[in-house]
Protein backbone atom coordinates (compact mmCIF):
# COMPACT_ATOMS: atom_id res chain seq x y z
CA MET A 1 10.25 45.66 -66.60
CA SER A 2 10.29 44.82 -70.29
CA ASP A 3 7.39 43.05 -71.96
CA PRO A 4 7.49 39.25 -72.20
CA ILE A 5 9.23 37.78 -75.22
CA HIS A 6 7.12 35.17 -76.99
CA LEU A 7 8.69 31.96 -78.30
CA GLU A 8 7.40 28.92 -80.16
CA ALA A 9 8.74 25.37 -80.47
CA ASP A 10 7.52 21.83 -80.88
CA TYR A 11 8.96 20.73 -77.52
CA LEU A 12 9.79 22.53 -74.31
CA ILE A 13 12.39 20.56 -72.33
CA ILE A 14 12.62 21.57 -68.69
CA GLY A 15 16.15 20.77 -67.53
CA ALA A 16 19.44 20.60 -69.43
CA GLY A 17 20.99 17.93 -67.25
CA ALA A 18 21.99 14.49 -68.48
CA VAL A 19 18.39 13.34 -69.01
CA GLY A 20 17.30 16.47 -70.87
CA MET A 21 20.42 16.46 -73.03
CA ALA A 22 20.07 12.78 -73.96
CA PHE A 23 16.40 13.28 -74.84
CA ALA A 24 17.09 16.36 -76.97
CA ASP A 25 19.99 14.73 -78.79
CA THR A 26 17.91 11.76 -79.94
CA LEU A 27 14.89 13.86 -80.81
CA ILE A 28 17.00 16.15 -83.00
CA ALA A 29 18.60 13.16 -84.71
CA GLU A 30 15.34 11.32 -85.39
CA SER A 31 12.79 14.03 -86.10
CA ASP A 32 12.40 17.51 -87.54
CA ALA A 33 11.27 18.93 -84.20
CA THR A 34 12.29 22.28 -82.77
CA ILE A 35 13.19 22.47 -79.08
CA ILE A 36 13.44 25.05 -76.33
CA MET A 37 15.58 23.94 -73.37
CA VAL A 38 15.35 25.81 -70.06
CA ASP A 39 17.59 25.22 -67.06
CA ARG A 40 18.41 26.86 -63.73
CA MET A 41 22.14 26.27 -64.06
CA ALA A 42 24.66 28.45 -65.89
CA LYS A 43 25.82 25.58 -68.09
CA PRO A 44 24.30 22.35 -69.37
CA GLY A 45 24.96 19.29 -67.27
CA GLY A 46 22.53 19.73 -64.40
CA HIS A 47 23.84 18.57 -61.03
CA TRP A 48 27.34 18.09 -62.46
CA ASN A 49 27.71 21.86 -62.18
CA ILE A 50 27.85 21.61 -58.38
CA ALA A 51 29.10 18.06 -57.81
CA TYR A 52 31.96 17.46 -55.39
CA PRO A 53 35.40 17.93 -56.97
CA PHE A 54 36.54 14.30 -56.90
CA VAL A 55 33.28 12.76 -58.13
CA THR A 56 33.45 10.28 -61.01
CA LEU A 57 30.97 8.05 -62.75
CA HIS A 58 30.45 4.73 -60.98
CA GLN A 59 29.89 2.82 -64.22
CA PRO A 60 31.98 3.03 -67.41
CA SER A 61 31.83 6.27 -69.38
CA ALA A 62 30.70 4.26 -72.41
CA TYR A 63 27.21 4.09 -70.89
CA TYR A 64 26.91 7.82 -70.25
CA GLY A 65 26.13 10.96 -72.18
CA VAL A 66 24.14 11.36 -75.39
CA ASN A 67 23.82 8.88 -78.23
CA SER A 68 25.54 10.94 -80.89
CA VAL A 69 28.78 11.86 -79.09
CA GLU A 70 31.24 9.47 -77.45
CA LEU A 71 32.35 10.28 -73.91
CA SER A 72 34.93 7.62 -73.14
CA GLN A 73 36.71 7.09 -76.47
CA GLY A 74 36.85 3.42 -75.45
CA ARG A 75 39.66 3.97 -72.95
CA ARG A 76 40.50 1.85 -69.93
CA ASP A 77 41.89 3.24 -66.73
CA PRO A 78 45.65 2.53 -66.85
CA SER A 79 46.18 2.75 -63.08
CA GLY A 80 44.44 3.18 -59.76
CA TRP A 81 41.67 1.21 -58.12
CA ASN A 82 39.75 0.91 -61.40
CA GLN A 83 42.79 -0.29 -63.36
CA GLY A 84 42.01 -2.36 -66.43
CA LEU A 85 38.31 -1.46 -66.49
CA GLY A 86 36.48 1.08 -68.63
CA ASP A 87 37.38 4.63 -67.68
CA LEU A 88 35.21 6.56 -65.24
CA ALA A 89 34.88 10.15 -66.38
CA SER A 90 35.44 12.78 -63.71
CA GLY A 91 32.84 15.42 -62.93
CA THR A 92 34.81 18.08 -64.77
CA GLU A 93 35.07 15.83 -67.83
CA VAL A 94 31.34 15.19 -67.82
CA LEU A 95 30.54 18.89 -67.45
CA ALA A 96 32.87 19.82 -70.31
CA TYR A 97 31.34 17.04 -72.40
CA PHE A 98 27.79 18.34 -72.01
CA GLU A 99 28.88 21.89 -72.79
CA ASP A 100 30.57 20.58 -75.93
CA VAL A 101 27.41 18.67 -76.94
CA MET A 102 25.33 21.79 -76.53
CA ARG A 103 27.73 24.09 -78.38
CA HIS A 104 28.78 21.77 -81.19
CA GLN A 105 25.87 19.36 -81.58
CA LEU A 106 22.52 20.74 -80.48
CA LEU A 107 22.76 24.49 -81.10
CA PRO A 108 24.35 24.15 -84.57
CA SER A 109 21.31 22.10 -85.65
CA GLY A 110 19.41 25.39 -85.77
CA ARG A 111 16.47 23.67 -84.07
CA VAL A 112 17.47 24.10 -80.42
CA GLN A 113 17.21 27.25 -78.30
CA TYR A 114 18.87 27.08 -74.89
CA PHE A 115 18.09 29.37 -71.97
CA ALA A 116 20.33 29.05 -68.92
CA MET A 117 19.88 30.63 -65.48
CA SER A 118 16.11 30.54 -65.91
CA ASP A 119 13.19 29.42 -63.76
CA VAL A 120 10.16 27.77 -65.33
CA GLN A 121 6.78 29.25 -64.42
CA GLY A 122 4.02 26.78 -65.16
CA ASP A 123 3.93 25.00 -68.50
CA ASP A 124 4.30 27.98 -70.80
CA ALA A 125 6.64 30.58 -69.32
CA PHE A 126 10.06 31.10 -67.75
CA VAL A 127 12.08 33.96 -66.31
CA ASN A 128 15.78 34.70 -66.54
CA ARG A 129 17.08 34.82 -62.98
CA LEU A 130 19.72 37.48 -63.71
CA THR A 131 17.80 39.93 -65.88
CA GLY A 132 14.19 39.32 -64.87
CA GLN A 133 13.26 38.95 -68.53
CA ARG A 134 10.09 36.87 -68.85
CA TYR A 135 9.44 34.55 -71.78
CA THR A 136 6.18 32.94 -72.81
CA VAL A 137 6.20 29.77 -74.88
CA THR A 138 3.74 28.22 -77.29
CA VAL A 139 4.48 24.50 -77.16
CA ARG A 140 3.15 22.96 -80.35
CA ARG A 141 3.60 19.33 -79.30
CA LYS A 142 4.75 18.45 -75.79
CA THR A 143 6.50 19.58 -72.63
CA VAL A 144 9.25 17.28 -71.36
CA ASP A 145 9.92 17.39 -67.62
CA ALA A 146 13.52 16.22 -67.42
CA THR A 147 13.71 17.23 -63.74
CA TRP A 148 11.26 14.64 -62.38
CA LEU A 149 13.94 12.50 -60.72
CA LYS A 150 15.15 15.57 -58.81
CA THR A 151 18.80 14.58 -58.64
CA SER A 152 20.33 16.02 -55.47
CA VAL A 153 23.97 16.61 -54.60
CA PRO A 154 25.71 17.31 -51.27
CA ALA A 155 26.38 20.96 -52.11
CA ASN A 156 22.70 21.92 -51.99
CA HIS A 157 21.43 19.18 -49.68
CA LYS A 158 19.92 20.03 -46.32
CA PRO A 159 20.74 17.20 -43.89
CA GLY A 160 17.85 15.44 -42.20
CA TYR A 161 19.46 16.04 -38.79
CA THR A 162 20.46 19.09 -36.78
CA VAL A 163 24.00 20.33 -36.32
CA ALA A 164 24.80 22.44 -33.28
CA GLU A 165 27.10 25.44 -33.25
CA GLY A 166 30.70 24.57 -32.59
CA VAL A 167 30.59 21.34 -34.64
CA ARG A 168 33.13 21.10 -37.44
CA PHE A 169 30.79 20.13 -40.26
CA MET A 170 30.89 20.21 -44.05
CA PRO A 171 29.37 18.60 -47.13
CA VAL A 172 31.67 16.20 -48.93
CA ASN A 173 32.56 19.07 -51.31
CA GLY A 174 34.59 20.61 -48.49
CA LEU A 175 37.09 17.79 -48.05
CA PRO A 176 39.61 19.06 -50.64
CA THR A 177 39.59 22.47 -48.96
CA LEU A 178 41.05 21.19 -45.68
CA THR A 179 44.39 22.79 -44.89
CA GLU A 180 45.42 20.84 -41.80
CA GLN A 181 45.01 17.36 -40.37
CA PRO A 182 41.95 16.94 -38.11
CA GLU A 183 41.79 14.48 -35.26
CA GLY A 184 39.62 12.26 -37.42
CA TYR A 185 36.84 12.06 -39.96
CA VAL A 186 33.20 11.16 -39.38
CA VAL A 187 31.53 10.20 -42.65
CA VAL A 188 27.72 10.29 -42.40
CA GLY A 189 25.98 8.15 -45.03
CA GLY A 190 26.39 4.64 -46.43
CA GLY A 191 25.47 5.25 -50.08
CA LYS A 192 27.45 6.20 -53.18
CA THR A 193 28.57 9.55 -51.76
CA GLY A 194 29.75 7.96 -48.52
CA ILE A 195 31.67 5.37 -50.53
CA ASP A 196 33.26 8.12 -52.63
CA ALA A 197 34.26 10.09 -49.53
CA CYS A 198 35.85 7.08 -47.85
CA LEU A 199 37.70 6.03 -51.00
CA TRP A 200 38.98 9.57 -51.54
CA LEU A 201 40.26 9.80 -47.97
CA LEU A 202 41.97 6.43 -48.26
CA ALA A 203 43.50 7.42 -51.61
CA GLN A 204 44.99 10.52 -49.93
CA GLY A 205 46.71 8.24 -47.44
CA VAL A 206 44.41 8.81 -44.47
CA ASP A 207 44.77 6.05 -41.89
CA PRO A 208 41.57 3.96 -42.04
CA ASP A 209 41.52 3.96 -38.23
CA HIS A 210 41.00 7.73 -38.38
CA ILE A 211 37.74 7.28 -40.30
CA ARG A 212 34.46 6.66 -38.50
CA TRP A 213 31.78 5.67 -41.02
CA ILE A 214 28.17 6.09 -39.90
CA MET A 215 26.22 3.62 -42.01
CA PRO A 216 22.48 3.59 -41.22
CA ARG A 217 21.98 0.70 -43.65
CA ASP A 218 24.50 -1.62 -45.27
CA ALA A 219 24.12 -1.82 -49.03
CA TRP A 220 24.34 -4.48 -51.66
CA LEU A 221 26.81 -3.27 -54.30
CA LEU A 222 27.42 -4.18 -57.93
CA ASP A 223 30.73 -5.50 -59.21
CA ARG A 224 31.94 -3.02 -61.84
CA GLN A 225 33.60 -5.77 -63.87
CA ASN A 226 30.10 -7.04 -64.68
CA THR A 227 29.15 -3.68 -66.21
CA GLN A 228 31.88 -3.35 -68.82
CA ALA A 229 30.97 -2.26 -72.34
CA THR A 230 33.60 -3.91 -74.51
CA ASP A 231 33.64 -7.36 -76.08
CA GLU A 232 36.60 -8.71 -74.09
CA PHE A 233 34.38 -8.53 -71.00
CA PHE A 234 31.59 -10.56 -72.59
CA GLY A 235 32.06 -13.33 -70.03
CA SER A 236 31.58 -11.03 -67.04
CA THR A 237 29.01 -8.61 -68.51
CA VAL A 238 26.66 -10.98 -70.35
CA GLY A 239 27.72 -13.78 -68.04
CA GLY A 240 26.66 -11.62 -65.12
CA ILE A 241 23.20 -11.23 -66.64
CA ALA A 242 22.96 -14.99 -67.10
CA ALA A 243 24.04 -15.50 -63.49
CA GLN A 244 21.29 -13.13 -62.33
CA TYR A 245 18.64 -15.15 -64.12
CA GLU A 246 20.04 -18.44 -62.87
CA ALA A 247 20.04 -17.22 -59.27
CA ALA A 248 16.50 -15.88 -59.65
CA ALA A 249 15.29 -19.13 -61.19
CA ALA A 250 16.74 -21.33 -58.44
CA ALA A 251 16.00 -19.20 -55.36
CA THR A 252 13.77 -20.81 -52.73
CA GLY A 253 13.12 -17.51 -50.94
CA ILE A 254 14.21 -13.88 -50.78
CA GLU A 255 17.18 -14.48 -48.51
CA ASP A 256 18.27 -17.43 -50.63
CA LEU A 257 18.00 -15.23 -53.73
CA PHE A 258 20.50 -12.72 -52.37
CA ASP A 259 22.78 -15.52 -51.16
CA ARG A 260 22.82 -16.90 -54.69
CA LEU A 261 23.38 -13.48 -56.27
CA GLU A 262 26.32 -12.93 -53.95
CA ALA A 263 27.75 -16.39 -54.58
CA ALA A 264 27.53 -15.76 -58.33
CA GLY A 265 29.45 -12.48 -58.00
CA VAL A 266 26.49 -10.37 -59.06
CA LEU A 267 26.16 -8.57 -55.72
CA LEU A 268 28.84 -7.60 -53.21
CA ARG A 269 28.81 -6.33 -49.64
CA ILE A 270 31.42 -4.62 -47.53
CA ASP A 271 30.94 -6.76 -44.43
CA THR A 272 29.96 -10.36 -45.13
CA SER A 273 28.70 -10.74 -41.56
CA VAL A 274 26.07 -8.00 -41.94
CA ARG A 275 22.94 -8.50 -44.02
CA PRO A 276 22.38 -5.45 -46.28
CA LYS A 277 18.96 -3.85 -46.33
CA MET A 278 19.70 -1.20 -48.96
CA PHE A 279 20.27 -1.40 -52.71
CA HIS A 280 20.86 1.74 -54.78
CA GLY A 281 22.89 0.18 -57.58
CA ALA A 282 26.20 1.65 -56.38
CA THR A 283 29.08 0.05 -58.24
CA VAL A 284 32.61 -0.72 -57.08
CA SER A 285 35.64 -2.56 -58.33
CA GLN A 286 37.03 -5.45 -56.33
CA VAL A 287 40.05 -3.31 -55.40
CA GLU A 288 37.78 -0.53 -54.13
CA LEU A 289 35.89 -3.09 -52.08
CA GLU A 290 39.14 -4.24 -50.50
CA GLN A 291 39.97 -0.65 -49.64
CA LEU A 292 36.58 -0.01 -48.04
CA ARG A 293 37.02 -3.12 -45.92
CA ARG A 294 40.09 -1.48 -44.33
CA ILE A 295 37.71 0.80 -42.42
CA SER A 296 36.82 -1.09 -39.26
CA ASN A 297 35.04 1.69 -37.36
CA ILE A 298 31.62 1.39 -38.98
CA VAL A 299 28.70 2.61 -36.89
CA ARG A 300 25.41 0.78 -37.37
CA MET A 301 23.10 2.60 -34.95
CA GLY A 302 20.55 4.00 -37.39
CA ARG A 303 20.28 7.50 -38.79
CA VAL A 304 21.88 10.53 -37.21
CA GLN A 305 19.40 12.67 -35.27
CA ARG A 306 21.73 15.51 -34.26
CA ILE A 307 25.41 16.31 -33.93
CA GLU A 308 26.55 18.24 -30.90
CA PRO A 309 30.07 19.43 -29.98
CA SER A 310 30.69 16.39 -27.76
CA ARG A 311 28.29 13.73 -29.01
CA ILE A 312 26.44 12.32 -31.99
CA VAL A 313 22.86 11.25 -31.27
CA LEU A 314 21.57 8.43 -33.48
CA GLU A 315 18.32 6.48 -33.65
CA HIS A 316 19.70 3.68 -31.49
CA GLY A 317 22.25 5.32 -29.25
CA GLU A 318 24.93 7.97 -29.18
CA LEU A 319 28.65 8.36 -29.78
CA PRO A 320 31.26 10.71 -28.40
CA THR A 321 32.80 13.26 -30.74
CA SER A 322 34.85 16.44 -30.46
CA SER A 323 35.60 19.72 -32.14
CA GLY A 324 38.73 18.14 -33.58
CA GLN A 325 36.67 15.76 -35.70
CA VAL A 326 35.53 16.76 -39.19
CA HIS A 327 31.95 15.62 -39.75
CA VAL A 328 31.30 15.03 -43.45
CA ASP A 329 27.71 14.95 -44.69
CA CYS A 330 27.19 12.27 -47.33
CA SER A 331 23.53 11.67 -46.59
CA ALA A 332 22.09 13.21 -49.78
CA SER A 333 20.18 10.73 -51.89
CA ALA A 334 21.20 10.85 -55.55
CA ILE A 335 17.55 10.65 -56.58
CA GLY A 336 15.21 12.92 -54.68
CA ASN A 337 11.97 11.61 -56.19
CA MET A 338 11.24 7.88 -56.07
CA SER A 339 7.61 8.20 -57.18
CA MET A 340 6.51 7.06 -60.62
CA ARG A 341 3.99 8.23 -63.18
CA PRO A 342 3.24 7.24 -66.79
CA ILE A 343 5.98 8.55 -69.04
CA PHE A 344 3.56 9.66 -71.77
CA GLU A 345 0.53 11.63 -70.57
CA GLY A 346 -1.17 13.70 -73.22
CA ARG A 347 0.98 16.73 -73.92
CA ARG A 348 3.50 15.89 -71.21
CA ILE A 349 6.48 13.50 -71.21
CA THR A 350 8.13 12.61 -67.92
CA PRO A 351 11.39 10.69 -68.57
CA GLN A 352 12.15 8.00 -66.00
CA THR A 353 14.23 4.84 -66.08
CA VAL A 354 13.12 2.16 -68.54
CA ARG A 355 16.31 0.18 -67.96
CA ALA A 356 17.88 -0.32 -64.56
CA TYR A 357 20.79 1.96 -63.61
CA GLN A 358 20.69 3.81 -66.95
CA PRO A 359 18.79 7.12 -66.87
CA VAL A 360 20.51 8.58 -69.93
CA PHE A 361 19.94 5.50 -72.08
CA SER A 362 16.34 5.62 -70.87
CA ALA A 363 15.95 9.27 -71.91
CA ALA A 364 17.36 8.57 -75.37
CA PHE A 365 15.11 5.53 -75.77
CA ILE A 366 12.02 7.48 -74.69
CA ALA A 367 12.85 10.17 -77.25
CA HIS A 368 13.17 7.48 -79.93
CA VAL A 369 9.75 6.09 -79.02
CA GLU A 370 8.26 9.60 -79.07
CA ALA A 371 9.69 10.18 -82.56
CA SER A 372 8.69 6.76 -83.92
CA TYR A 373 5.26 5.87 -82.50
CA GLN A 374 1.92 7.66 -82.38
CA ASP A 375 -0.32 5.67 -80.04
CA GLU A 376 0.14 6.71 -76.41
CA ALA A 377 -0.84 3.32 -74.99
CA GLN A 378 1.79 1.62 -77.14
CA LYS A 379 4.39 4.18 -76.11
CA ASN A 380 3.75 3.54 -72.44
CA LYS A 381 3.83 -0.21 -73.03
CA LEU A 382 7.27 0.11 -74.59
CA CYS A 383 8.38 2.53 -71.88
CA GLY A 384 7.27 0.86 -68.68
CA VAL A 385 8.85 2.61 -65.71
CA VAL A 386 11.53 0.52 -64.00
CA PRO A 387 11.32 1.45 -60.31
CA LEU A 388 14.39 3.00 -58.75
CA PRO A 389 15.74 0.73 -56.02
CA ASN A 390 16.02 1.71 -52.38
CA HIS A 391 15.46 -1.37 -50.23
CA ASP A 392 17.23 -4.65 -50.97
CA THR A 393 14.02 -6.30 -52.18
CA ASP A 394 13.53 -3.55 -54.77
CA TRP A 395 16.02 -5.55 -56.83
CA ILE A 396 13.17 -7.99 -57.50
CA ARG A 397 10.70 -5.36 -58.73
CA MET A 398 13.42 -3.71 -60.80
CA MET A 399 14.33 -6.98 -62.52
CA LEU A 400 10.70 -7.83 -63.27
CA ALA A 401 9.95 -4.42 -64.80
CA GLY A 402 13.16 -4.30 -66.80
CA SER A 403 12.71 -7.80 -68.18
CA LEU A 404 9.13 -7.03 -69.22
CA ASN A 405 10.37 -3.99 -71.14
CA GLN A 406 13.06 -6.08 -72.78
CA TYR A 407 10.41 -8.59 -73.88
CA HIS A 408 8.23 -5.86 -75.38
CA TRP A 409 11.22 -4.44 -77.22
CA SER A 410 12.04 -7.85 -78.65
CA GLN A 411 8.64 -7.87 -80.37
CA GLU A 412 9.48 -4.72 -82.33
CA PRO A 413 12.14 -5.29 -85.03
CA SER A 414 12.69 -1.56 -85.48
CA ILE A 415 13.56 -1.21 -81.79
CA GLY A 416 16.02 -4.06 -82.12
CA ARG A 417 17.76 -2.18 -84.92
CA TRP A 418 17.80 1.01 -82.86
CA LEU A 419 19.31 -0.74 -79.84
CA VAL A 420 22.15 -2.19 -81.90
CA GLN A 421 22.97 1.26 -83.26
CA SER A 422 22.65 3.02 -79.91
CA ARG A 423 25.99 4.05 -78.44
CA LEU A 424 24.49 3.78 -74.97
CA ASP A 425 23.52 0.11 -75.32
CA ALA A 426 26.69 -1.96 -75.27
CA VAL A 427 25.07 -5.27 -74.28
CA THR A 428 22.87 -5.50 -77.36
CA LYS A 429 25.92 -4.90 -79.52
CA MET A 430 27.76 -7.70 -77.72
CA LEU A 431 24.88 -10.11 -78.28
CA LYS A 432 24.46 -9.21 -81.95
CA SER A 433 28.17 -9.41 -82.74
CA ILE A 434 28.72 -13.06 -81.77
CA GLU A 435 30.52 -14.93 -84.53
CA PRO A 436 29.51 -18.50 -85.50
CA HIS A 437 32.75 -19.97 -84.10
CA GLU A 438 32.48 -18.27 -80.68
CA THR A 439 31.07 -21.24 -78.82
CA ALA A 440 31.90 -19.93 -75.33
CA LYS A 441 29.81 -16.82 -75.91
CA LYS A 442 26.98 -18.87 -77.36
CA ALA A 443 27.01 -21.06 -74.27
CA ILE A 444 26.59 -18.00 -72.04
CA VAL A 445 23.66 -16.76 -74.11
CA ALA A 446 22.10 -20.23 -73.98
CA ARG A 447 22.34 -20.14 -70.18
CA LEU A 448 20.61 -16.76 -70.16
CA HIS A 449 17.77 -17.88 -72.42
CA GLN A 450 17.31 -21.14 -70.55
CA ALA A 451 17.07 -19.49 -67.12
CA ALA A 452 15.03 -16.39 -68.02
CA PRO A 453 11.48 -17.87 -68.12
CA ALA A 454 11.87 -19.68 -64.80
CA ALA A 455 13.52 -16.61 -63.30
CA MET A 456 10.62 -14.36 -64.20
CA ALA A 457 8.06 -16.80 -62.83
CA ASN A 458 10.01 -17.20 -59.59
CA LEU A 459 10.57 -13.46 -59.16
CA GLN A 460 6.83 -12.89 -59.51
CA ARG A 461 6.32 -15.41 -56.70
CA LEU A 462 8.99 -13.76 -54.53
CA ALA A 463 7.56 -10.29 -55.20
CA LYS A 464 4.36 -11.35 -53.48
CA GLN A 465 6.34 -12.04 -50.32
CA ILE A 466 7.60 -8.45 -50.05
CA ALA A 467 5.84 -6.60 -47.26
């Protein structure tokens, strides 16, 4: 075996997925740092390399990618169940985008070295998986762990239940490979992947009565119209934020809070007779919601324990099945690591979300703070971790943490200027671009500002009620 090759750089970024790419892009733009990026995949883009073929973003493409390169080109979807809303890039588009960013943005800077198909060994070495070549690294400033969130996808997910021989079983990736009509489809999982699988089947013309959807927990969903990034949606996007604060300010209890959020159009649910217990931030259009409601065979008997050739055993009962049914695993959680740690810790940076639902904006913002501030305590104050939601009540903790960050940012004029210029922050641009004559927009902002203080005080009270 050849001797190790020694490298030096200011930063070692572990992971060339969306978070690592967004961090590197901002750091290159705002500092003179040199970077080594190491990733297990053959191409940049992380989990997008093995995502299921029909996957798309759930929120507009305008919010995704790196700061310096546009992904969406400002387009709207001209047809389909997202018609009229900001386009949702497909998995193949996202993967091609990140490869383009690496080839035409980061590498040409002369300050980025990229090593694919490599496994990190500790904090100062990595090995190429194909050649066995070992590299040692002197990191002059910091190591950035862009893999902390441990994004998982169905292709490499091991289900938390057993599957007996003779069961027709596949991850969601396998659906497009089917060559003949099965007796029916059993979709296991009520999150984003389960939603995608059901919508894809319905879009192919599958009879909704041929779909059995095993949903361990119903989920609160976001209305995609409230997440749009262009000025013509000011009323729904900024108005949706105002409605959140108003609901939070007026709520008399946790259940009343979610009733108010639903009544205001902030949160949606598939079945209005079932109280959701899950919230992952999955986003749907109203048309997609209507389509999902066509599926009447929804099983709410807890998590699957095992699938046998003739039955499915769940936490709270069992169901008959057969070899003619295709069982589709959609139980992978998008985020495999829900734990939190300080983002800045000595010579280590661990990017996490500092704004709800936006990991790539968060990575770019953290890189900006790293390039602009010296004091670690101040950096962590500006980059408070916004917890990733799982249970319904996590919405409360998420809102409190995100609003506190927003307050801290408002005290730093330089951050305000950065947010306005950031491609990944459409809302700040909307707020800063209001013209003096636009009274309707001003009224929405006034609602937001009026409700925010009472909302924060009330959410703190409600947070204490969470078990």
